[in-house]
Amino acid sequence: MLRAEQAWSQSELAARLGVSRQTVNAIETGRFDPSLELAFKLARVFGLLIEEIFEPENE
C-alpha cells in the first residue's frame, strides 16, 4: 500500500489531499472510487501516474 510505504497515517494522507480520513479509508477498502480530480491529487502526492495507482475494472 502506497500510504504505508510512506509511513503516513490515513489522517496525514487525508490532510495532504484535502479530504476526510473516512474518504481515504473508503478508497483503500474499495468502497469508494475517487473522482478524477482526487485521483490526480493522489498521483501527485505519491509522484506517480494515475495508471500506476488505479487499474481499470475488467470488462
PDB file of N, CA and C in Angstrom:
ATOM      1  N   MET A   1       0.851  -1.175   0.000  1.00  0.00           N
ATOM      2  CA  MET A   1       0.000   0.000   0.000  1.00  0.00           C
ATOM      3  C   MET A   1       0.899   1.242   0.000  1.00  0.00           C
ATOM      4  N   LEU A   2       0.605   2.151  -0.883  1.00  0.00           N
ATOM      5  CA  LEU A   2       1.455   3.334  -1.045  1.00  0.00           C
ATOM      6  C   LEU A   2       1.536   4.177   0.224  1.00  0.00           C
ATOM      7  N   ARG A   3       0.431   4.347   0.891  1.00  0.00           N
ATOM      8  CA  ARG A   3       0.421   5.167   2.107  1.00  0.00           C
ATOM      9  C   ARG A   3       1.334   4.561   3.167  1.00  0.00           C
ATOM     10  N   ALA A   4       1.251   3.257   3.344  1.00  0.00           N
ATOM     11  CA  ALA A   4       2.070   2.581   4.347  1.00  0.00           C
ATOM     12  C   ALA A   4       3.555   2.663   4.002  1.00  0.00           C
ATOM     13  N   GLU A   5       3.879   2.610   2.710  1.00  0.00           N
ATOM     14  CA  GLU A   5       5.281   2.726   2.293  1.00  0.00           C
ATOM     15  C   GLU A   5       5.870   4.077   2.691  1.00  0.00           C
ATOM     16  N   GLN A   6       5.026   5.093   2.763  1.00  0.00           N
ATOM     17  CA  GLN A   6       5.474   6.427   3.175  1.00  0.00           C
ATOM     18  C   GLN A   6       5.404   6.609   4.691  1.00  0.00           C
ATOM     19  N   ALA A   7       4.858   5.605   5.393  1.00  0.00           N
ATOM     20  CA  ALA A   7       4.651   5.650   6.847  1.00  0.00           C
ATOM     21  C   ALA A   7       3.725   6.801   7.233  1.00  0.00           C
ATOM     22  N   TRP A   8       2.709   7.047   6.379  1.00  0.00           N
ATOM     23  CA  TRP A   8       1.714   8.080   6.664  1.00  0.00           C
ATOM     24  C   TRP A   8       0.475   7.425   7.254  1.00  0.00           C
ATOM     25  N   SER A   9      -0.145   8.108   8.183  1.00  0.00           N
ATOM     26  CA  SER A   9      -1.436   7.656   8.695  1.00  0.00           C
ATOM     27  C   SER A   9      -2.513   8.042   7.682  1.00  0.00           C
ATOM     28  N   GLN A  10      -3.676   7.459   7.849  1.00  0.00           N
ATOM     29  CA  GLN A  10      -4.791   7.854   6.980  1.00  0.00           C
ATOM     30  C   GLN A  10      -5.089   9.341   7.157  1.00  0.00           C
ATOM     31  N   SER A  11      -4.981   9.827   8.375  1.00  0.00           N
ATOM     32  CA  SER A  11      -5.241  11.246   8.638  1.00  0.00           C
ATOM     33  C   SER A  11      -4.234  12.141   7.932  1.00  0.00           C
ATOM     34  N   GLU A  12      -2.972  11.734   7.928  1.00  0.00           N
ATOM     35  CA  GLU A  12      -1.943  12.532   7.267  1.00  0.00           C
ATOM     36  C   GLU A  12      -2.168  12.582   5.757  1.00  0.00           C
ATOM     37  N   LEU A  13      -2.476  11.440   5.163  1.00  0.00           N
ATOM     38  CA  LEU A  13      -2.749  11.433   3.727  1.00  0.00           C
ATOM     39  C   LEU A  13      -3.990  12.263   3.428  1.00  0.00           C
ATOM     40  N   ALA A  14      -5.004  12.137   4.252  1.00  0.00           N
ATOM     41  CA  ALA A  14      -6.231  12.913   4.059  1.00  0.00           C
ATOM     42  C   ALA A  14      -5.935  14.412   4.069  1.00  0.00           C
ATOM     43  N   ALA A  15      -5.095  14.845   4.998  1.00  0.00           N
ATOM     44  CA  ALA A  15      -4.733  16.259   5.073  1.00  0.00           C
ATOM     45  C   ALA A  15      -3.997  16.705   3.813  1.00  0.00           C
ATOM     46  N   ARG A  16      -3.121  15.863   3.304  1.00  0.00           N
ATOM     47  CA  ARG A  16      -2.386  16.200   2.079  1.00  0.00           C
ATOM     48  C   ARG A  16      -3.317  16.307   0.874  1.00  0.00           C
ATOM     49  N   LEU A  17      -4.411  15.537   0.910  1.00  0.00           N
ATOM     50  CA  LEU A  17      -5.363  15.521  -0.201  1.00  0.00           C
ATOM     51  C   LEU A  17      -6.510  16.503  -0.029  1.00  0.00           C
ATOM     52  N   GLY A  18      -6.694  16.986   1.195  1.00  0.00           N
ATOM     53  CA  GLY A  18      -7.817  17.884   1.457  1.00  0.00           C
ATOM     54  C   GLY A  18      -9.146  17.146   1.545  1.00  0.00           C
ATOM     55  N   VAL A  19      -9.110  15.910   2.053  1.00  0.00           N
ATOM     56  CA  VAL A  19     -10.324  15.112   2.237  1.00  0.00           C
ATOM     57  C   VAL A  19     -10.351  14.577   3.665  1.00  0.00           C
ATOM     58  N   SER A  20     -11.423  13.893   4.016  1.00  0.00           N
ATOM     59  CA  SER A  20     -11.522  13.316   5.358  1.00  0.00           C
ATOM     60  C   SER A  20     -10.759  11.999   5.446  1.00  0.00           C
ATOM     61  N   ARG A  21     -10.443  11.597   6.664  1.00  0.00           N
ATOM     62  CA  ARG A  21      -9.806  10.303   6.886  1.00  0.00           C
ATOM     63  C   ARG A  21     -10.732   9.186   6.432  1.00  0.00           C
ATOM     64  N   GLN A  22     -12.034   9.373   6.603  1.00  0.00           N
ATOM     65  CA  GLN A  22     -13.002   8.369   6.184  1.00  0.00           C
ATOM     66  C   GLN A  22     -12.964   8.162   4.668  1.00  0.00           C
ATOM     67  N   THR A  23     -12.706   9.235   3.915  1.00  0.00           N
ATOM     68  CA  THR A  23     -12.596   9.118   2.462  1.00  0.00           C
ATOM     69  C   THR A  23     -11.389   8.275   2.098  1.00  0.00           C
ATOM     70  N   VAL A  24     -10.269   8.514   2.752  1.00  0.00           N
ATOM     71  CA  VAL A  24      -9.064   7.715   2.488  1.00  0.00           C
ATOM     72  C   VAL A  24      -9.345   6.252   2.812  1.00  0.00           C
ATOM     73  N   ASN A  25      -9.980   5.991   3.932  1.00  0.00           N
ATOM     74  CA  ASN A  25     -10.309   4.620   4.313  1.00  0.00           C
ATOM     75  C   ASN A  25     -11.219   3.969   3.280  1.00  0.00           C
ATOM     76  N   ALA A  26     -12.218   4.683   2.806  1.00  0.00           N
ATOM     77  CA  ALA A  26     -13.155   4.131   1.818  1.00  0.00           C
ATOM     78  C   ALA A  26     -12.460   3.826   0.491  1.00  0.00           C
ATOM     79  N   ILE A  27     -11.508   4.665   0.088  1.00  0.00           N
ATOM     80  CA  ILE A  27     -10.748   4.399  -1.138  1.00  0.00           C
ATOM     81  C   ILE A  27      -9.902   3.144  -0.950  1.00  0.00           C
ATOM     82  N   GLU A  28      -9.226   3.056   0.188  1.00  0.00           N
ATOM     83  CA  GLU A  28      -8.334   1.918   0.440  1.00  0.00           C
ATOM     84  C   GLU A  28      -9.087   0.595   0.513  1.00  0.00           C
ATOM     85  N   THR A  29     -10.299   0.623   1.016  1.00  0.00           N
ATOM     86  CA  THR A  29     -11.067  -0.613   1.160  1.00  0.00           C
ATOM     87  C   THR A  29     -11.944  -0.905  -0.052  1.00  0.00           C
ATOM     88  N   GLY A  30     -11.878  -0.046  -1.072  1.00  0.00           N
ATOM     89  CA  GLY A  30     -12.627  -0.274  -2.294  1.00  0.00           C
ATOM     90  C   GLY A  30     -14.096   0.074  -2.216  1.00  0.00           C
ATOM     91  N   ARG A  31     -14.505   0.785  -1.176  1.00  0.00           N
ATOM     92  CA  ARG A  31     -15.907   1.173  -1.042  1.00  0.00           C
ATOM     93  C   ARG A  31     -16.218   2.490  -1.742  1.00  0.00           C
ATOM     94  N   PHE A  32     -15.170   3.175  -2.239  1.00  0.00           N
ATOM     95  CA  PHE A  32     -15.365   4.479  -2.871  1.00  0.00           C
ATOM     96  C   PHE A  32     -14.364   4.629  -4.003  1.00  0.00           C
ATOM     97  N   ASP A  33     -14.863   5.011  -5.163  1.00  0.00           N
ATOM     98  CA  ASP A  33     -13.994   5.327  -6.290  1.00  0.00           C
ATOM     99  C   ASP A  33     -13.808   6.843  -6.309  1.00  0.00           C
ATOM    100  N   PRO A  34     -12.573   7.307  -6.233  1.00  0.00           N
ATOM    101  CA  PRO A  34     -12.351   8.760  -6.189  1.00  0.00           C
ATOM    102  C   PRO A  34     -12.720   9.425  -7.511  1.00  0.00           C
ATOM    103  N   SER A  35     -13.039  10.696  -7.405  1.00  0.00           N
ATOM    104  CA  SER A  35     -13.282  11.494  -8.603  1.00  0.00           C
ATOM    105  C   SER A  35     -11.979  11.594  -9.384  1.00  0.00           C
ATOM    106  N   LEU A  36     -12.074  12.018 -10.629  1.00  0.00           N
ATOM    107  CA  LEU A  36     -10.871  12.187 -11.442  1.00  0.00           C
ATOM    108  C   LEU A  36      -9.935  13.204 -10.794  1.00  0.00           C
ATOM    109  N   GLU A  37     -10.496  14.279 -10.272  1.00  0.00           N
ATOM    110  CA  GLU A  37      -9.684  15.301  -9.604  1.00  0.00           C
ATOM    111  C   GLU A  37      -8.931  14.713  -8.412  1.00  0.00           C
ATOM    112  N   LEU A  38      -9.611  13.919  -7.605  1.00  0.00           N
ATOM    113  CA  LEU A  38      -8.958  13.309  -6.448  1.00  0.00           C
ATOM    114  C   LEU A  38      -7.930  12.275  -6.885  1.00  0.00           C
ATOM    115  N   ALA A  39      -8.209  11.538  -7.943  1.00  0.00           N
ATOM    116  CA  ALA A  39      -7.239  10.571  -8.460  1.00  0.00           C
ATOM    117  C   ALA A  39      -5.958  11.280  -8.893  1.00  0.00           C
ATOM    118  N   PHE A  40      -6.090  12.441  -9.551  1.00  0.00           N
ATOM    119  CA  PHE A  40      -4.902  13.210  -9.938  1.00  0.00           C
ATOM    120  C   PHE A  40      -4.143  13.704  -8.703  1.00  0.00           C
ATOM    121  N   LYS A  41      -4.876  14.132  -7.668  1.00  0.00           N
ATOM    122  CA  LYS A  41      -4.213  14.572  -6.431  1.00  0.00           C
ATOM    123  C   LYS A  41      -3.432  13.422  -5.808  1.00  0.00           C
ATOM    124  N   LEU A  42      -4.045  12.242  -5.776  1.00  0.00           N
ATOM    125  CA  LEU A  42      -3.354  11.071  -5.237  1.00  0.00           C
ATOM    126  C   LEU A  42      -2.075  10.793  -6.015  1.00  0.00           C
ATOM    127  N   ALA A  43      -2.170  10.842  -7.313  1.00  0.00           N
ATOM    128  CA  ALA A  43      -0.990  10.594  -8.146  1.00  0.00           C
ATOM    129  C   ALA A  43       0.103  11.608  -7.855  1.00  0.00           C
ATOM    130  N   ARG A  44      -0.271  12.879  -7.744  1.00  0.00           N
ATOM    131  CA  ARG A  44       0.736  13.918  -7.457  1.00  0.00           C
ATOM    132  C   ARG A  44       1.381  13.715  -6.089  1.00  0.00           C
ATOM    133  N   VAL A  45       0.578  13.389  -5.081  1.00  0.00           N
ATOM    134  CA  VAL A  45       1.101  13.201  -3.725  1.00  0.00           C
ATOM    135  C   VAL A  45       2.146  12.087  -3.701  1.00  0.00           C
ATOM    136  N   PHE A  46       1.902  11.032  -4.469  1.00  0.00           N
ATOM    137  CA  PHE A  46       2.828   9.900  -4.485  1.00  0.00           C
ATOM    138  C   PHE A  46       3.855   9.967  -5.604  1.00  0.00           C
ATOM    139  N   GLY A  47       3.769  10.982  -6.449  1.00  0.00           N
ATOM    140  CA  GLY A  47       4.728  11.119  -7.546  1.00  0.00           C
ATOM    141  C   GLY A  47       4.600  10.031  -8.590  1.00  0.00           C
ATOM    142  N   LEU A  48       3.368   9.587  -8.841  1.00  0.00           N
ATOM    143  CA  LEU A  48       3.108   8.508  -9.787  1.00  0.00           C
ATOM    144  C   LEU A  48       2.088   8.946 -10.825  1.00  0.00           C
ATOM    145  N   LEU A  49       1.926   8.116 -11.851  1.00  0.00           N
ATOM    146  CA  LEU A  49       0.856   8.313 -12.815  1.00  0.00           C
ATOM    147  C   LEU A  49      -0.408   7.662 -12.267  1.00  0.00           C
ATOM    148  N   ILE A  50      -1.553   8.169 -12.677  1.00  0.00           N
ATOM    149  CA  ILE A  50      -2.817   7.575 -12.227  1.00  0.00           C
ATOM    150  C   ILE A  50      -2.842   6.081 -12.539  1.00  0.00           C
ATOM    151  N   GLU A  51      -2.351   5.710 -13.724  1.00  0.00           N
ATOM    152  CA  GLU A  51      -2.357   4.315 -14.135  1.00  0.00           C
ATOM    153  C   GLU A  51      -1.505   3.424 -13.237  1.00  0.00           C
ATOM    154  N   GLU A  52      -0.565   4.020 -12.528  1.00  0.00           N
ATOM    155  CA  GLU A  52       0.279   3.251 -11.615  1.00  0.00           C
ATOM    156  C   GLU A  52      -0.428   3.007 -10.280  1.00  0.00           C
ATOM    157  N   ILE A  53      -1.494   3.748 -10.025  1.00  0.00           N
ATOM    158  CA  ILE A  53      -2.236   3.616  -8.769  1.00  0.00           C
ATOM    159  C   ILE A  53      -3.529   2.831  -8.970  1.00  0.00           C
ATOM    160  N   PHE A  54      -4.247   3.160 -10.046  1.00  0.00           N
ATOM    161  CA  PHE A  54      -5.558   2.572 -10.289  1.00  0.00           C
ATOM    162  C   PHE A  54      -5.524   1.712 -11.538  1.00  0.00           C
ATOM    163  N   GLU A  55      -6.223   0.605 -11.474  1.00  0.00           N
ATOM    164  CA  GLU A  55      -6.350  -0.285 -12.623  1.00  0.00           C
ATOM    165  C   GLU A  55      -7.807  -0.281 -13.058  1.00  0.00           C
ATOM    166  N   PRO A  56      -8.052  -0.271 -14.381  1.00  0.00           N
ATOM    167  CA  PRO A  56      -9.442  -0.311 -14.845  1.00  0.00           C
ATOM    168  C   PRO A  56     -10.089  -1.640 -14.472  1.00  0.00           C
ATOM    169  N   GLU A  57     -11.401  -1.579 -14.287  1.00  0.00           N
ATOM    170  CA  GLU A  57     -12.136  -2.817 -13.978  1.00  0.00           C
ATOM    171  C   GLU A  57     -12.151  -3.701 -15.211  1.00  0.00           C
ATOM    172  N   ASN A  58     -12.121  -4.992 -14.983  1.00  0.00           N
ATOM    173  CA  ASN A  58     -12.213  -5.934 -16.099  1.00  0.00           C
ATOM    174  C   ASN A  58     -13.607  -5.880 -16.681  1.00  0.00           C
ATOM    175  N   GLU A  59     -13.678  -5.897 -17.990  1.00  0.00           N
ATOM    176  CA  GLU A  59     -14.987  -5.823 -18.640  1.00  0.00           C
ATOM    177  C   GLU A  59     -15.602  -7.182 -18.793  1.00  0.00           C
TER     178      GLU A  59
END
